[in-house]
């Protein structure tokens, strides 16, 4: 049965299922799913100018992730994230960043750009920005959780790859997604697929950099990996109980 939500409550139900099944298998894809579920819980509790519109966009946004999760051939950006989950050389931070990259840089831009335009898109900006504040409230808990199972994670701070990058990844990605959403919303519907393909290719390039960083960062990541917990089930559950 296809994973498809009709509202934010169903989104949370499906995310519960993904978290459970990935935790049971020790599948690293559950790292992003768990953090995404926590953020969706926070969004559901948020106060927005148009709650119904936020529910609709949030549901469409989640359905792109669900579609990718089930797809034999997902978008390039998600393919890189899912392929990375098959290898044990990545640390949890990389799995989270790969999910953020694909879901925000690509999926969010597409969903907003395809479903809102003109004055409605302009009116949505305030609620869109409120999500940044909601994310900011969740991020300290995510960082604390990562440190609990990754004792050497702070050695990545000199290369800007721990706390700053988590905050930056979300803020920068959401700002970039908005720019793309504005462009997509103004395009002829027949031209959008080509533009989305270009965006997917760009996001995939960034995904490859995250999965295979420069030599210095890779060496530090290797040290983190050697001491990071390999109990993926516990890691996923920790991220799902922030």
C-alpha atoms as a PDB file:
ATOM      1  CA  UNK A   1       0.000   0.000   0.000  1.00  0.00           C
ATOM      2  CA  UNK A   2       1.397   3.388  -0.985  1.00  0.00           C
ATOM      3  CA  UNK A   3       2.473   5.772   1.733  1.00  0.00           C
ATOM      4  CA  UNK A   4       0.233   8.781   1.193  1.00  0.00           C
ATOM      5  CA  UNK A   5      -1.064  11.231   3.792  1.00  0.00           C
ATOM      6  CA  UNK A   6      -4.178  13.394   3.599  1.00  0.00           C
ATOM      7  CA  UNK A   7      -3.363  15.640   6.553  1.00  0.00           C
ATOM      8  CA  UNK A   8      -0.644  16.280   9.114  1.00  0.00           C
ATOM      9  CA  UNK A   9      -1.989  13.648  11.507  1.00  0.00           C
ATOM     10  CA  UNK A  10      -1.619  11.019   8.812  1.00  0.00           C
ATOM     11  CA  UNK A  11       1.867  12.358   8.086  1.00  0.00           C
ATOM     12  CA  UNK A  12       2.817  11.682  11.685  1.00  0.00           C
ATOM     13  CA  UNK A  13       1.273   8.225  11.542  1.00  0.00           C
ATOM     14  CA  UNK A  14       3.284   7.297   8.453  1.00  0.00           C
ATOM     15  CA  UNK A  15       6.475   8.728   9.956  1.00  0.00           C
ATOM     16  CA  UNK A  16       5.847   6.626  13.065  1.00  0.00           C
ATOM     17  CA  UNK A  17       5.745   3.562  10.848  1.00  0.00           C
ATOM     18  CA  UNK A  18       8.944   4.484   8.995  1.00  0.00           C
ATOM     19  CA  UNK A  19      10.772   5.163  12.252  1.00  0.00           C
ATOM     20  CA  UNK A  20       9.611   1.850  13.697  1.00  0.00           C
ATOM     21  CA  UNK A  21      10.582  -0.233  10.684  1.00  0.00           C
ATOM     22  CA  UNK A  22      13.955   1.436  10.202  1.00  0.00           C
ATOM     23  CA  UNK A  23      14.789   1.146  13.893  1.00  0.00           C
ATOM     24  CA  UNK A  24      13.877  -2.543  13.818  1.00  0.00           C
ATOM     25  CA  UNK A  25      16.232  -3.131  10.860  1.00  0.00           C
ATOM     26  CA  UNK A  26      18.924  -0.730  12.010  1.00  0.00           C
ATOM     27  CA  UNK A  27      18.438   1.201   8.779  1.00  0.00           C
ATOM     28  CA  UNK A  28      20.265   4.584   8.868  1.00  0.00           C
ATOM     29  CA  UNK A  29      17.436   6.139   6.846  1.00  0.00           C
ATOM     30  CA  UNK A  30      15.593   6.222  10.138  1.00  0.00           C
ATOM     31  CA  UNK A  31      17.892   8.978  11.449  1.00  0.00           C
ATOM     32  CA  UNK A  32      16.349  11.585   9.172  1.00  0.00           C
ATOM     33  CA  UNK A  33      12.848  10.131   9.545  1.00  0.00           C
ATOM     34  CA  UNK A  34      13.054  10.410  13.338  1.00  0.00           C
ATOM     35  CA  UNK A  35      14.211  14.041  13.301  1.00  0.00           C
ATOM     36  CA  UNK A  36      11.642  14.862  10.610  1.00  0.00           C
ATOM     37  CA  UNK A  37       8.904  13.395  12.794  1.00  0.00           C
ATOM     38  CA  UNK A  38       9.991  15.515  15.751  1.00  0.00           C
ATOM     39  CA  UNK A  39       9.925  18.640  13.616  1.00  0.00           C
ATOM     40  CA  UNK A  40       6.501  17.754  12.231  1.00  0.00           C
ATOM     41  CA  UNK A  41       5.190  17.388  15.784  1.00  0.00           C
ATOM     42  CA  UNK A  42       6.512  20.882  16.496  1.00  0.00           C
ATOM     43  CA  UNK A  43       4.954  22.269  13.308  1.00  0.00           C
ATOM     44  CA  UNK A  44       1.583  20.758  14.195  1.00  0.00           C
ATOM     45  CA  UNK A  45       1.709  22.572  17.547  1.00  0.00           C
ATOM     46  CA  UNK A  46       2.744  25.861  15.943  1.00  0.00           C
ATOM     47  CA  UNK A  47       0.588  28.965  15.547  1.00  0.00           C
ATOM     48  CA  UNK A  48       0.240  30.156  11.962  1.00  0.00           C
ATOM     49  CA  UNK A  49      -1.699  32.846  10.167  1.00  0.00           C
ATOM     50  CA  UNK A  50      -3.377  30.184   8.029  1.00  0.00           C
ATOM     51  CA  UNK A  51      -3.323  26.833   9.787  1.00  0.00           C
ATOM     52  CA  UNK A  52      -5.267  25.054   7.028  1.00  0.00           C
ATOM     53  CA  UNK A  53      -2.826  26.211   4.370  1.00  0.00           C
ATOM     54  CA  UNK A  54       0.125  25.104   6.481  1.00  0.00           C
ATOM     55  CA  UNK A  55      -1.505  21.708   6.996  1.00  0.00           C
ATOM     56  CA  UNK A  56      -1.996  21.337   3.239  1.00  0.00           C
ATOM     57  CA  UNK A  57       1.546  22.366   2.295  1.00  0.00           C
ATOM     58  CA  UNK A  58       3.104  20.313   5.082  1.00  0.00           C
ATOM     59  CA  UNK A  59       1.174  17.252   3.908  1.00  0.00           C
ATOM     60  CA  UNK A  60       2.185  17.718   0.269  1.00  0.00           C
ATOM     61  CA  UNK A  61       5.771  18.235   1.430  1.00  0.00           C
ATOM     62  CA  UNK A  62       5.750  14.991   3.416  1.00  0.00           C
ATOM     63  CA  UNK A  63       4.193  13.058   0.549  1.00  0.00           C
ATOM     64  CA  UNK A  64       7.196  13.859  -1.654  1.00  0.00           C
ATOM     65  CA  UNK A  65       9.414  12.227   0.964  1.00  0.00           C
ATOM     66  CA  UNK A  66       7.099   9.231   1.226  1.00  0.00           C
ATOM     67  CA  UNK A  67       7.077   8.874  -2.547  1.00  0.00           C
ATOM     68  CA  UNK A  68      10.872   8.933  -2.639  1.00  0.00           C
ATOM     69  CA  UNK A  69      11.098   6.471   0.250  1.00  0.00           C
ATOM     70  CA  UNK A  70       8.989   3.942  -1.645  1.00  0.00           C
ATOM     71  CA  UNK A  71      10.295   4.613  -5.138  1.00  0.00           C
ATOM     72  CA  UNK A  72      12.490   2.204  -7.054  1.00  0.00           C
ATOM     73  CA  UNK A  73      14.093   5.190  -8.776  1.00  0.00           C
ATOM     74  CA  UNK A  74      13.620   8.338  -6.642  1.00  0.00           C
ATOM     75  CA  UNK A  75      14.976  11.773  -7.485  1.00  0.00           C
ATOM     76  CA  UNK A  76      18.754  12.040  -7.813  1.00  0.00           C
ATOM     77  CA  UNK A  77      19.038  13.873  -4.504  1.00  0.00           C
ATOM     78  CA  UNK A  78      17.135  11.180  -2.617  1.00  0.00           C
ATOM     79  CA  UNK A  79      18.945   8.402  -4.458  1.00  0.00           C
ATOM     80  CA  UNK A  80      22.255   9.673  -3.092  1.00  0.00           C
ATOM     81  CA  UNK A  81      20.848   9.828   0.439  1.00  0.00           C
ATOM     82  CA  UNK A  82      19.383   6.332   0.239  1.00  0.00           C
ATOM     83  CA  UNK A  83      22.478   4.844  -1.390  1.00  0.00           C
ATOM     84  CA  UNK A  84      24.601   6.310   1.397  1.00  0.00           C
ATOM     85  CA  UNK A  85      22.458   4.485   3.948  1.00  0.00           C
ATOM     86  CA  UNK A  86      23.677   1.181   2.491  1.00  0.00           C
ATOM     87  CA  UNK A  87      27.255   1.899   3.549  1.00  0.00           C
ATOM     88  CA  UNK A  88      28.515   1.917   7.119  1.00  0.00           C
ATOM     89  CA  UNK A  89      31.250   4.511   6.583  1.00  0.00           C
ATOM     90  CA  UNK A  90      28.974   7.546   7.118  1.00  0.00           C
ATOM     91  CA  UNK A  91      28.282   9.105  10.484  1.00  0.00           C
ATOM     92  CA  UNK A  92      24.810  10.028  11.712  1.00  0.00           C
ATOM     93  CA  UNK A  93      25.392  13.729  11.011  1.00  0.00           C
ATOM     94  CA  UNK A  94      25.968  12.932   7.334  1.00  0.00           C
ATOM     95  CA  UNK A  95      22.751  10.911   7.110  1.00  0.00           C
ATOM     96  CA  UNK A  96      20.836  13.843   8.612  1.00  0.00           C
ATOM     97  CA  UNK A  97      22.420  16.361   6.257  1.00  0.00           C
ATOM     98  CA  UNK A  98      21.691  14.194   3.225  1.00  0.00           C
ATOM     99  CA  UNK A  99      18.026  14.046   4.201  1.00  0.00           C
ATOM    100  CA  UNK A 100      17.896  17.794   4.845  1.00  0.00           C
ATOM    101  CA  UNK A 101      19.532  18.417   1.497  1.00  0.00           C
ATOM    102  CA  UNK A 102      17.075  16.348  -0.515  1.00  0.00           C
ATOM    103  CA  UNK A 103      13.911  17.220   1.360  1.00  0.00           C
ATOM    104  CA  UNK A 104      14.366  20.956   1.795  1.00  0.00           C
ATOM    105  CA  UNK A 105      16.588  22.035  -1.094  1.00  0.00           C
ATOM    106  CA  UNK A 106      14.513  20.016  -3.562  1.00  0.00           C
ATOM    107  CA  UNK A 107      11.158  18.866  -2.171  1.00  0.00           C
ATOM    108  CA  UNK A 108      10.217  22.042  -0.333  1.00  0.00           C
ATOM    109  CA  UNK A 109      11.033  24.256  -3.292  1.00  0.00           C
ATOM    110  CA  UNK A 110       8.942  22.089  -5.612  1.00  0.00           C
ATOM    111  CA  UNK A 111       5.926  21.802  -3.321  1.00  0.00           C
ATOM    112  CA  UNK A 112       5.710  25.509  -2.564  1.00  0.00           C
ATOM    113  CA  UNK A 113       6.478  26.540  -6.144  1.00  0.00           C
ATOM    114  CA  UNK A 114       3.911  24.190  -7.679  1.00  0.00           C
ATOM    115  CA  UNK A 115       1.080  24.910  -5.247  1.00  0.00           C
ATOM    116  CA  UNK A 116       1.299  28.595  -4.375  1.00  0.00           C
ATOM    117  CA  UNK A 117       1.701  31.673  -6.540  1.00  0.00           C
ATOM    118  CA  UNK A 118       1.141  35.391  -6.629  1.00  0.00           C
ATOM    119  CA  UNK A 119      -0.495  36.945  -3.581  1.00  0.00           C
ATOM    120  CA  UNK A 120      -1.038  33.550  -1.943  1.00  0.00           C
ATOM    121  CA  UNK A 121       2.684  32.808  -2.122  1.00  0.00           C
ATOM    122  CA  UNK A 122       3.477  36.258  -0.713  1.00  0.00           C
ATOM    123  CA  UNK A 123       1.019  35.727   2.126  1.00  0.00           C
ATOM    124  CA  UNK A 124       2.601  32.366   2.923  1.00  0.00           C
ATOM    125  CA  UNK A 125       6.053  33.881   3.545  1.00  0.00           C
ATOM    126  CA  UNK A 126       5.307  34.850   7.159  1.00  0.00           C
ATOM    127  CA  UNK A 127       4.208  31.328   8.078  1.00  0.00           C
ATOM    128  CA  UNK A 128       7.119  29.908   6.093  1.00  0.00           C
ATOM    129  CA  UNK A 129       9.554  31.947   8.159  1.00  0.00           C
ATOM    130  CA  UNK A 130       7.909  30.833  11.390  1.00  0.00           C
ATOM    131  CA  UNK A 131       9.085  27.318  10.580  1.00  0.00           C
ATOM    132  CA  UNK A 132      12.659  28.549  11.004  1.00  0.00           C
ATOM    133  CA  UNK A 133      11.877  29.490  14.599  1.00  0.00           C
ATOM    134  CA  UNK A 134      10.269  26.108  15.189  1.00  0.00           C
ATOM    135  CA  UNK A 135      13.323  24.340  13.778  1.00  0.00           C
ATOM    136  CA  UNK A 136      15.590  26.498  15.946  1.00  0.00           C
ATOM    137  CA  UNK A 137      13.716  25.213  18.980  1.00  0.00           C
ATOM    138  CA  UNK A 138      14.282  21.579  18.011  1.00  0.00           C
ATOM    139  CA  UNK A 139      17.927  21.804  16.919  1.00  0.00           C
ATOM    140  CA  UNK A 140      19.558  22.007  20.388  1.00  0.00           C
ATOM    141  CA  UNK A 141      17.887  18.713  21.276  1.00  0.00           C
ATOM    142  CA  UNK A 142      19.142  17.162  18.038  1.00  0.00           C
ATOM    143  CA  UNK A 143      22.680  18.313  18.790  1.00  0.00           C
ATOM    144  CA  UNK A 144      22.519  16.962  22.333  1.00  0.00           C
ATOM    145  CA  UNK A 145      21.261  13.622  21.037  1.00  0.00           C
ATOM    146  CA  UNK A 146      24.094  13.395  18.494  1.00  0.00           C
ATOM    147  CA  UNK A 147      26.678  14.112  21.194  1.00  0.00           C
ATOM    148  CA  UNK A 148      25.214  11.355  23.365  1.00  0.00           C
ATOM    149  CA  UNK A 149      26.146   8.631  20.869  1.00  0.00           C
ATOM    150  CA  UNK A 150      28.992  10.377  19.041  1.00  0.00           C
ATOM    151  CA  UNK A 151      31.556  11.426  21.688  1.00  0.00           C
ATOM    152  CA  UNK A 152      34.124  12.846  19.257  1.00  0.00           C
ATOM    153  CA  UNK A 153      31.666  14.817  17.141  1.00  0.00           C
ATOM    154  CA  UNK A 154      33.095  18.139  18.376  1.00  0.00           C
ATOM    155  CA  UNK A 155      36.398  17.525  16.604  1.00  0.00           C
ATOM    156  CA  UNK A 156      34.532  18.534  13.445  1.00  0.00           C
ATOM    157  CA  UNK A 157      33.904  22.043  14.782  1.00  0.00           C
ATOM    158  CA  UNK A 158      37.122  23.521  13.304  1.00  0.00           C
ATOM    159  CA  UNK A 159      35.858  22.648   9.815  1.00  0.00           C
ATOM    160  CA  UNK A 160      32.392  23.968  10.598  1.00  0.00           C
ATOM    161  CA  UNK A 161      30.797  20.571  10.347  1.00  0.00           C
ATOM    162  CA  UNK A 162      28.875  20.102  13.589  1.00  0.00           C
ATOM    163  CA  UNK A 163      26.656  22.599  15.380  1.00  0.00           C
ATOM    164  CA  UNK A 164      27.024  25.485  12.917  1.00  0.00           C
ATOM    165  CA  UNK A 165      26.382  23.280   9.915  1.00  0.00           C
ATOM    166  CA  UNK A 166      23.156  21.857  11.304  1.00  0.00           C
ATOM    167  CA  UNK A 167      21.696  25.303  11.860  1.00  0.00           C
ATOM    168  CA  UNK A 168      23.151  26.623   8.625  1.00  0.00           C
ATOM    169  CA  UNK A 169      21.918  23.650   6.630  1.00  0.00           C
ATOM    170  CA  UNK A 170      18.307  24.280   7.609  1.00  0.00           C
ATOM    171  CA  UNK A 171      18.352  28.075   7.397  1.00  0.00           C
ATOM    172  CA  UNK A 172      20.308  28.285   4.146  1.00  0.00           C
ATOM    173  CA  UNK A 173      18.369  25.422   2.576  1.00  0.00           C
ATOM    174  CA  UNK A 174      15.008  26.976   3.397  1.00  0.00           C
ATOM    175  CA  UNK A 175      16.082  30.357   2.021  1.00  0.00           C
ATOM    176  CA  UNK A 176      17.354  28.748  -1.179  1.00  0.00           C
ATOM    177  CA  UNK A 177      14.156  26.711  -1.431  1.00  0.00           C
ATOM    178  CA  UNK A 178      12.103  29.910  -1.250  1.00  0.00           C
ATOM    179  CA  UNK A 179      14.055  31.483  -4.109  1.00  0.00           C
ATOM    180  CA  UNK A 180      13.456  28.407  -6.250  1.00  0.00           C
ATOM    181  CA  UNK A 181       9.799  28.270  -5.214  1.00  0.00           C
ATOM    182  CA  UNK A 182       9.305  31.833  -6.418  1.00  0.00           C
ATOM    183  CA  UNK A 183      10.901  31.003  -9.753  1.00  0.00           C
ATOM    184  CA  UNK A 184       8.896  27.810 -10.206  1.00  0.00           C
ATOM    185  CA  UNK A 185       5.630  29.537  -9.297  1.00  0.00           C
ATOM    186  CA  UNK A 186       6.130  32.059 -12.099  1.00  0.00           C
ATOM    187  CA  UNK A 187       6.990  29.491 -14.763  1.00  0.00           C
ATOM    188  CA  UNK A 188       4.692  28.006 -17.348  1.00  0.00           C
ATOM    189  CA  UNK A 189       3.651  24.593 -16.065  1.00  0.00           C
ATOM    190  CA  UNK A 190       5.153  22.971 -19.168  1.00  0.00           C
ATOM    191  CA  UNK A 191       8.589  24.396 -18.330  1.00  0.00           C
ATOM    192  CA  UNK A 192       8.648  23.383 -14.685  1.00  0.00           C
ATOM    193  CA  UNK A 193       9.747  19.754 -15.148  1.00  0.00           C
ATOM    194  CA  UNK A 194      12.950  20.863 -16.874  1.00  0.00           C
ATOM    195  CA  UNK A 195      13.654  23.441 -14.161  1.00  0.00           C
ATOM    196  CA  UNK A 196      12.989  20.887 -11.422  1.00  0.00           C
ATOM    197  CA  UNK A 197      15.368  18.487 -13.153  1.00  0.00           C
ATOM    198  CA  UNK A 198      18.087  21.165 -13.072  1.00  0.00           C
ATOM    199  CA  UNK A 199      17.387  21.763  -9.382  1.00  0.00           C
ATOM    200  CA  UNK A 200      17.544  18.040  -8.656  1.00  0.00           C
ATOM    201  CA  UNK A 201      20.923  17.816 -10.383  1.00  0.00           C
ATOM    202  CA  UNK A 202      22.258  20.746  -8.352  1.00  0.00           C
ATOM    203  CA  UNK A 203      20.989  19.302  -5.079  1.00  0.00           C
ATOM    204  CA  UNK A 204      22.488  15.925  -5.984  1.00  0.00           C
ATOM    205  CA  UNK A 205      25.906  17.556  -6.420  1.00  0.00           C
ATOM    206  CA  UNK A 206      25.686  18.912  -2.881  1.00  0.00           C
ATOM    207  CA  UNK A 207      24.594  15.485  -1.692  1.00  0.00           C
ATOM    208  CA  UNK A 208      27.731  13.931  -3.141  1.00  0.00           C
ATOM    209  CA  UNK A 209      29.861  16.489  -1.287  1.00  0.00           C
ATOM    210  CA  UNK A 210      28.115  15.612   1.975  1.00  0.00           C
ATOM    211  CA  UNK A 211      28.542  11.883   1.398  1.00  0.00           C
ATOM    212  CA  UNK A 212      32.170  12.229   0.260  1.00  0.00           C
ATOM    213  CA  UNK A 213      33.697  15.354   1.838  1.00  0.00           C
ATOM    214  CA  UNK A 214      37.130  16.818   1.193  1.00  0.00           C
ATOM    215  CA  UNK A 215      40.164  14.845   2.490  1.00  0.00           C
ATOM    216  CA  UNK A 216      40.598  16.836   5.728  1.00  0.00           C
ATOM    217  CA  UNK A 217      36.945  16.602   6.687  1.00  0.00           C
ATOM    218  CA  UNK A 218      36.859  12.945   5.613  1.00  0.00           C
ATOM    219  CA  UNK A 219      39.780  12.150   7.931  1.00  0.00           C
ATOM    220  CA  UNK A 220      38.030  13.800  10.862  1.00  0.00           C
ATOM    221  CA  UNK A 221      34.762  12.087   9.991  1.00  0.00           C
ATOM    222  CA  UNK A 222      36.652   8.789  10.054  1.00  0.00           C
ATOM    223  CA  UNK A 223      37.781   9.452  13.615  1.00  0.00           C
ATOM    224  CA  UNK A 224      34.233  10.326  14.639  1.00  0.00           C
ATOM    225  CA  UNK A 225      32.957   7.194  12.927  1.00  0.00           C
ATOM    226  CA  UNK A 226      35.406   4.974  14.809  1.00  0.00           C
ATOM    227  CA  UNK A 227      34.023   6.065  18.187  1.00  0.00           C
ATOM    228  CA  UNK A 228      30.387   6.687  17.257  1.00  0.00           C
ATOM    229  CA  UNK A 229      27.857   4.149  18.486  1.00  0.00           C
ATOM    230  CA  UNK A 230      26.982   1.517  15.889  1.00  0.00           C
ATOM    231  CA  UNK A 231      23.697   0.672  17.634  1.00  0.00           C
ATOM    232  CA  UNK A 232      21.505   2.203  14.944  1.00  0.00           C
ATOM    233  CA  UNK A 233      18.326   1.082  16.641  1.00  0.00           C
ATOM    234  CA  UNK A 234      19.247   3.045  19.781  1.00  0.00           C
ATOM    235  CA  UNK A 235      20.378   6.024  17.729  1.00  0.00           C
ATOM    236  CA  UNK A 236      17.090   6.226  15.836  1.00  0.00           C
ATOM    237  CA  UNK A 237      15.075   5.886  19.022  1.00  0.00           C
ATOM    238  CA  UNK A 238      17.167   8.587  20.681  1.00  0.00           C
ATOM    239  CA  UNK A 239      16.520  10.975  17.781  1.00  0.00           C
ATOM    240  CA  UNK A 240      12.823  10.108  17.936  1.00  0.00           C
ATOM    241  CA  UNK A 241      12.544  10.988  21.614  1.00  0.00           C
ATOM    242  CA  UNK A 242      14.001  14.469  21.786  1.00  0.00           C
END
